[in-house]
Amino acid sequence: MKKIIALSAILVSITFLANAQPGSTTGGFDDEPVDVPLDGGIILLAAVGAAYGYKKLKKDI
């Protein structure tokens, strides 16, 4: 059980670090691309996946 909680905590913390690559600072473009943070929906999906896995695990035990 402790392994599952630790693994879930690691997976959720990794999603907080997931960001798009930064824009180019040496390019000759007039309009530089804007960074896109990938955190809102991915965190929700990871939490739902963890809850679903926990439910399946509890059902089998």
Protein backbone atom coordinates (compact mmCIF):
# COMPACT_ATOMS: atom_id res chain seq x y z
CA MET A 1 0.00 0.00 0.00
CA LYS A 2 2.87 2.36 0.80
CA LYS A 3 4.39 1.67 -2.62
CA ILE A 4 1.17 2.69 -4.35
CA ILE A 5 0.93 5.94 -2.40
CA ALA A 6 4.58 6.73 -3.09
CA LEU A 7 4.20 5.97 -6.79
CA SER A 8 1.07 8.11 -7.02
CA ALA A 9 2.82 11.01 -5.28
CA ILE A 10 5.76 10.76 -7.69
CA LEU A 11 3.53 10.66 -10.76
CA VAL A 12 1.48 13.64 -9.61
CA SER A 13 4.60 15.65 -8.79
CA ILE A 14 6.02 14.96 -12.24
CA THR A 15 2.95 16.48 -13.87
CA PHE A 16 3.59 19.73 -12.00
CA LEU A 17 6.92 19.98 -13.81
CA ALA A 18 5.55 19.31 -17.30
CA ASN A 19 5.82 22.48 -19.41
CA ALA A 20 6.25 23.16 -23.09
CA GLN A 21 9.68 24.04 -24.42
CA PRO A 22 10.60 27.72 -24.09
CA GLY A 23 10.52 29.94 -27.15
CA SER A 24 13.56 30.78 -29.22
CA THR A 25 15.58 33.79 -28.05
CA THR A 26 17.97 33.92 -31.01
CA GLY A 27 15.50 33.46 -33.85
CA GLY A 28 14.72 36.11 -36.45
CA PHE A 29 10.96 35.88 -35.98
CA ASP A 30 8.85 38.96 -35.29
CA ASP A 31 6.30 37.10 -33.19
CA GLU A 32 7.95 34.78 -30.69
CA PRO A 33 5.94 31.70 -29.65
CA VAL A 34 4.35 31.74 -26.21
CA ASP A 35 5.08 28.92 -23.75
CA VAL A 36 2.14 26.64 -23.06
CA PRO A 37 1.93 25.18 -19.54
CA LEU A 38 0.62 21.62 -19.54
CA ASP A 39 -0.71 21.35 -16.04
CA GLY A 40 -4.47 21.90 -15.71
CA GLY A 41 -6.02 18.96 -17.53
CA ILE A 42 -3.10 16.57 -17.16
CA ILE A 43 -3.18 16.81 -13.36
CA LEU A 44 -6.91 16.14 -13.39
CA LEU A 45 -6.48 13.12 -15.66
CA ALA A 46 -3.65 11.76 -13.50
CA ALA A 47 -5.77 12.13 -10.36
CA VAL A 48 -8.74 10.40 -11.98
CA GLY A 49 -6.47 7.60 -13.23
CA ALA A 50 -4.97 7.14 -9.77
CA ALA A 51 -8.43 7.04 -8.18
CA TYR A 52 -9.64 4.52 -10.76
CA GLY A 53 -6.57 2.34 -10.20
CA TYR A 54 -7.07 2.50 -6.44
CA LYS A 55 -10.71 1.50 -6.84
CA LYS A 56 -9.74 -1.47 -9.01
CA LEU A 57 -7.03 -2.47 -6.55
CA LYS A 58 -9.42 -2.36 -3.59
CA LYS A 59 -11.98 -4.40 -5.54
CA ASP A 60 -9.46 -7.20 -6.19
CA ILE A 61 -8.28 -7.42 -2.59
